[in-house]
Amino acid sequence: TQAPQCVIAQPCPVIVNYIQLYRPELIRHLAPVDSPMGHTVKMIRAHYPELADHRILIVSPCMAKAREFADQSVDALSIMVASIKQHLESTGVDLHVFPERPFDGPAPERGVCFPMPGGLLETLERELPGVKAHARQIEGTRVYPYLDSLSTTIAAGNAPLLIDCLNCEAGCIGGTGTTHFRNADIDGLERVIRRRRNATTAHYCAGGADGASTADSDGSAELRATIDAHWKRERYT
């Protein structure tokens, strides 16, 4: 298989739609995988048969997710974070009175950084150390002039191997479906994510959910076993 000249990461449906409509010559450079949410829906359907009769509800930070799901016939409902917040406020429900509980399922380790700017690259660093040196991270309005000239850059041999690009300036944590879309405090938003990242990393270093010691100091053996148990290439492409 020939190595790609350039791969455009495509978790962001706004960017995918832009390329499909205005830069179709770049479609062949889009990573041939599902978005993380589309991938998760397929994983649930494949590995949790006890949920076969359940509908899947995705609480999304993105207005464009509904279109993505419709276009790709994703078997899930999508509702925005901002809509959930509005509903809670209108019904007088205060989440702060409820105890904090962990998510069901395996802890994601540094994958919790995925929705913030550069989070894809930070996640990839575990599997491909040094990948940042061959990548371009770009967000917000700068993305589109960059994409408009990308074909020329690729033809000249100057394009990065990987482009980590998101439509929203603060990434998905400040997405159009959140209440932080025009929040300039990107550092404050990222601080919450990094605090959780440190906690999930500590989870694996301590031996994971059962507290057992791991053979490796960073818990990567347990993490790899979890990924391998849920991975099947043809399912997620």
Protein backbone atom coordinates (compact mmCIF):
# COMPACT_ATOMS: atom_id res chain seq x y z
CA THR A 1 0.00 0.00 0.00
CA GLN A 2 1.36 3.40 -0.97
CA ALA A 3 1.90 5.82 1.92
CA PRO A 4 -0.49 8.80 1.79
CA GLN A 5 0.84 12.25 0.92
CA CYS A 6 -1.49 13.91 3.39
CA VAL A 7 -4.32 12.78 5.66
CA ILE A 8 -7.04 15.19 6.83
CA ALA A 9 -8.52 14.12 10.16
CA GLN A 10 -12.29 14.15 9.90
CA PRO A 11 -13.99 14.07 13.32
CA CYS A 12 -15.48 17.49 12.46
CA PRO A 13 -18.61 17.24 10.24
CA VAL A 14 -18.47 20.94 9.34
CA ILE A 15 -15.05 20.53 7.77
CA VAL A 16 -16.09 17.31 6.02
CA ASN A 17 -19.15 19.06 4.56
CA TYR A 18 -17.02 22.01 3.41
CA ILE A 19 -14.63 19.69 1.59
CA GLN A 20 -17.48 17.74 -0.01
CA LEU A 21 -19.18 20.92 -1.26
CA TYR A 22 -16.31 23.25 -2.08
CA ARG A 23 -13.07 21.25 -2.22
CA PRO A 24 -14.04 17.81 -3.58
CA GLU A 25 -10.48 17.32 -4.82
CA LEU A 26 -9.52 16.87 -1.15
CA ILE A 27 -12.04 14.10 -0.43
CA ARG A 28 -9.45 11.42 -1.19
CA HIS A 29 -7.26 12.85 1.57
CA LEU A 30 -9.92 12.52 4.29
CA ALA A 31 -9.12 9.79 6.80
CA PRO A 32 -11.26 6.78 5.77
CA VAL A 33 -12.78 6.20 9.21
CA ASP A 34 -15.93 7.11 11.09
CA SER A 35 -16.11 10.10 13.37
CA PRO A 36 -15.59 9.17 17.05
CA MET A 37 -19.33 9.34 17.72
CA GLY A 38 -20.22 7.25 14.66
CA HIS A 39 -17.51 4.79 15.67
CA THR A 40 -18.92 4.56 19.20
CA VAL A 41 -22.42 3.78 17.94
CA LYS A 42 -21.06 0.88 15.88
CA MET A 43 -19.02 -0.35 18.85
CA ILE A 44 -22.08 -0.35 21.12
CA ARG A 45 -24.14 -2.27 18.58
CA ALA A 46 -21.39 -4.86 18.10
CA HIS A 47 -20.30 -5.41 21.71
CA TYR A 48 -23.37 -4.76 23.85
CA PRO A 49 -26.12 -7.14 22.64
CA GLU A 50 -28.07 -6.48 25.85
CA LEU A 51 -28.71 -2.99 24.45
CA ALA A 52 -29.98 -4.21 21.09
CA ASP A 53 -33.53 -2.99 21.78
CA HIS A 54 -32.37 0.38 23.14
CA ARG A 55 -32.11 3.66 21.29
CA ILE A 56 -28.77 5.45 21.54
CA LEU A 57 -28.81 9.11 22.55
CA ILE A 58 -25.68 11.14 21.87
CA VAL A 59 -25.24 14.37 23.79
CA SER A 60 -23.20 16.40 21.32
CA PRO A 61 -21.31 19.71 21.39
CA CYS A 62 -21.98 20.22 17.68
CA MET A 63 -24.94 21.54 15.70
CA ALA A 64 -23.73 19.66 12.61
CA LYS A 65 -23.87 16.19 14.17
CA ALA A 66 -27.55 15.77 13.30
CA ARG A 67 -26.72 16.21 9.60
CA GLU A 68 -23.80 13.80 9.84
CA PHE A 69 -25.98 11.13 11.41
CA ALA A 70 -28.69 11.64 8.81
CA ASP A 71 -26.22 11.51 5.90
CA GLN A 72 -24.57 8.33 7.19
CA SER A 73 -27.70 6.66 8.58
CA VAL A 74 -26.18 6.50 12.06
CA ASP A 75 -28.56 4.66 14.37
CA ALA A 76 -28.67 7.29 17.12
CA LEU A 77 -30.44 10.42 18.26
CA SER A 78 -28.44 13.60 18.68
CA ILE A 79 -29.14 16.37 21.17
CA MET A 80 -26.89 19.32 21.89
CA VAL A 81 -25.25 20.01 25.25
CA ALA A 82 -26.81 23.48 25.26
CA SER A 83 -30.28 21.96 24.86
CA ILE A 84 -29.74 19.69 27.86
CA LYS A 85 -28.56 22.66 29.93
CA GLN A 86 -31.58 24.70 28.87
CA HIS A 87 -33.93 21.87 29.81
CA LEU A 88 -32.34 21.42 33.23
CA GLU A 89 -32.56 25.13 33.96
CA SER A 90 -36.17 25.37 32.82
CA THR A 91 -37.18 22.45 35.05
CA GLY A 92 -35.17 23.61 38.07
CA VAL A 93 -32.80 20.65 38.12
CA ASP A 94 -29.39 21.44 39.66
CA LEU A 95 -26.75 18.89 38.69
CA HIS A 96 -24.47 20.07 41.49
CA VAL A 97 -26.67 18.38 44.11
CA PHE A 98 -25.94 14.96 42.61
CA PRO A 99 -22.75 13.07 43.53
CA GLU A 100 -20.10 12.82 40.84
CA ARG A 101 -19.87 9.37 39.30
CA PRO A 102 -17.49 7.91 36.70
CA PHE A 103 -18.64 7.00 33.23
CA ASP A 104 -19.59 3.40 32.51
CA GLY A 105 -17.12 1.48 30.41
CA PRO A 106 -13.32 1.56 30.19
CA ALA A 107 -11.52 4.77 31.18
CA PRO A 108 -10.14 6.47 28.02
CA GLU A 109 -6.77 7.70 29.40
CA ARG A 110 -5.44 10.63 27.33
CA GLY A 111 -8.32 10.14 24.87
CA VAL A 112 -10.32 12.56 27.02
CA CYS A 113 -8.27 15.32 25.34
CA PHE A 114 -9.65 14.43 21.92
CA PRO A 115 -12.34 17.18 21.75
CA MET A 116 -10.01 20.08 22.51
CA PRO A 117 -7.62 21.75 20.05
CA GLY A 118 -4.69 19.43 19.39
CA GLY A 119 -6.38 16.61 21.28
CA LEU A 120 -6.16 14.21 18.35
CA LEU A 121 -2.40 14.67 18.14
CA GLU A 122 -2.00 14.29 21.90
CA THR A 123 -3.92 11.02 21.70
CA LEU A 124 -1.88 9.78 18.74
CA GLU A 125 1.40 10.47 20.54
CA ARG A 126 0.88 7.28 22.56
CA GLU A 127 0.85 5.12 19.43
CA LEU A 128 3.07 7.26 17.18
CA PRO A 129 5.63 9.16 19.29
CA GLY A 130 6.84 12.23 17.44
CA VAL A 131 3.77 12.48 15.19
CA LYS A 132 3.35 16.17 16.05
CA ALA A 133 6.51 16.94 14.09
CA HIS A 134 4.75 15.75 10.93
CA ALA A 135 1.35 17.32 11.55
CA ARG A 136 -0.52 20.61 11.32
CA GLN A 137 -2.98 21.68 14.01
CA ILE A 138 -5.45 24.38 12.98
CA GLU A 139 -8.86 25.57 14.22
CA GLY A 140 -11.49 28.21 13.60
CA THR A 141 -11.79 30.55 10.63
CA ARG A 142 -8.16 29.96 9.61
CA VAL A 143 -9.07 26.42 8.55
CA TYR A 144 -10.88 27.36 5.36
CA PRO A 145 -8.24 29.51 3.61
CA TYR A 146 -5.80 26.76 4.57
CA LEU A 147 -7.96 24.10 2.92
CA ASP A 148 -8.49 26.30 -0.14
CA SER A 149 -4.76 26.26 -0.86
CA LEU A 150 -4.04 22.73 0.34
CA SER A 151 -4.13 21.05 -3.08
CA THR A 152 -1.35 23.35 -4.26
CA THR A 153 0.62 22.64 -1.09
CA ILE A 154 0.23 18.88 -1.57
CA ALA A 155 1.27 19.07 -5.22
CA ALA A 156 4.40 20.96 -4.22
CA GLY A 157 5.27 18.27 -1.68
CA ASN A 158 5.02 20.69 1.24
CA ALA A 159 1.93 19.38 3.01
CA PRO A 160 2.11 17.78 6.47
CA LEU A 161 1.39 14.08 6.78
CA LEU A 162 -1.57 14.74 9.08
CA ILE A 163 -3.88 17.74 9.49
CA ASP A 164 -5.72 17.97 12.83
CA CYS A 165 -8.43 20.53 12.06
CA LEU A 166 -11.60 21.66 13.81
CA ASN A 167 -14.19 24.25 12.82
CA CYS A 168 -14.54 25.84 16.26
CA GLU A 169 -11.77 28.00 17.73
CA ALA A 170 -11.89 26.21 21.10
CA GLY A 171 -12.42 22.81 19.51
CA CYS A 172 -15.42 20.65 20.36
CA ILE A 173 -15.33 21.74 24.01
CA GLY A 174 -16.39 25.15 22.71
CA GLY A 175 -18.57 23.82 19.91
CA THR A 176 -21.66 25.39 18.37
CA GLY A 177 -23.88 23.10 20.43
CA THR A 178 -22.40 24.16 23.76
CA THR A 179 -22.83 27.26 25.90
CA HIS A 180 -19.12 28.01 25.45
CA PHE A 181 -19.13 28.67 21.68
CA ARG A 182 -18.14 32.32 22.12
CA ASN A 183 -16.27 31.83 25.37
CA ALA A 184 -12.82 33.39 25.03
CA ASP A 185 -11.50 31.56 28.10
CA ILE A 186 -10.02 28.65 26.17
CA ASP A 187 -7.46 28.04 28.93
CA GLY A 188 -10.26 27.64 31.46
CA LEU A 189 -12.10 25.18 29.25
CA GLU A 190 -8.97 23.14 28.61
CA ARG A 191 -8.04 23.09 32.30
CA VAL A 192 -11.12 21.00 33.09
CA ILE A 193 -10.23 18.52 30.34
CA ARG A 194 -6.59 18.25 31.42
CA ARG A 195 -7.62 17.64 35.03
CA ARG A 196 -9.70 14.69 33.85
CA ARG A 197 -6.87 13.55 31.59
CA ASN A 198 -4.53 13.41 34.59
CA ALA A 199 -7.09 11.41 36.54
CA THR A 200 -7.60 8.84 33.77
CA THR A 201 -3.84 8.51 33.23
CA ALA A 202 -3.43 7.87 36.96
CA HIS A 203 -6.14 5.21 36.68
CA TYR A 204 -3.99 3.18 34.28
CA CYS A 205 -0.74 3.82 36.14
CA ALA A 206 -2.41 2.47 39.29
CA GLY A 207 -3.50 -0.70 37.53
CA GLY A 208 -6.93 0.16 36.18
CA ALA A 209 -10.39 -0.52 37.48
CA ASP A 210 -9.48 -3.50 39.66
CA GLY A 211 -6.43 -1.83 41.19
CA ALA A 212 -4.16 -4.69 40.14
CA SER A 213 -0.60 -3.76 39.28
CA THR A 214 0.29 -3.66 35.61
CA ALA A 215 3.36 -5.07 33.91
CA ASP A 216 4.20 -1.68 32.45
CA SER A 217 4.52 1.57 34.38
CA ASP A 218 1.96 3.54 32.37
CA GLY A 219 -0.73 0.89 32.11
CA SER A 220 -0.51 0.70 28.33
CA ALA A 221 -0.94 -3.09 28.33
CA GLU A 222 -4.43 -2.80 29.83
CA LEU A 223 -5.30 0.05 27.50
CA ARG A 224 -4.11 -1.90 24.45
CA ALA A 225 -6.10 -4.96 25.52
CA THR A 226 -9.24 -2.82 25.82
CA ILE A 227 -8.74 -1.31 22.36
CA ASP A 228 -7.98 -4.65 20.74
CA ALA A 229 -11.10 -6.21 22.26
CA HIS A 230 -13.30 -3.62 20.56
CA TRP A 231 -11.41 -3.06 17.32
CA LYS A 232 -12.25 -4.48 13.90
CA ARG A 233 -10.97 -2.50 10.94
CA GLU A 234 -13.83 -3.13 8.51
CA ARG A 235 -16.40 -2.19 11.14
CA TYR A 236 -15.20 1.38 11.60
CA THR A 237 -14.35 2.46 8.06
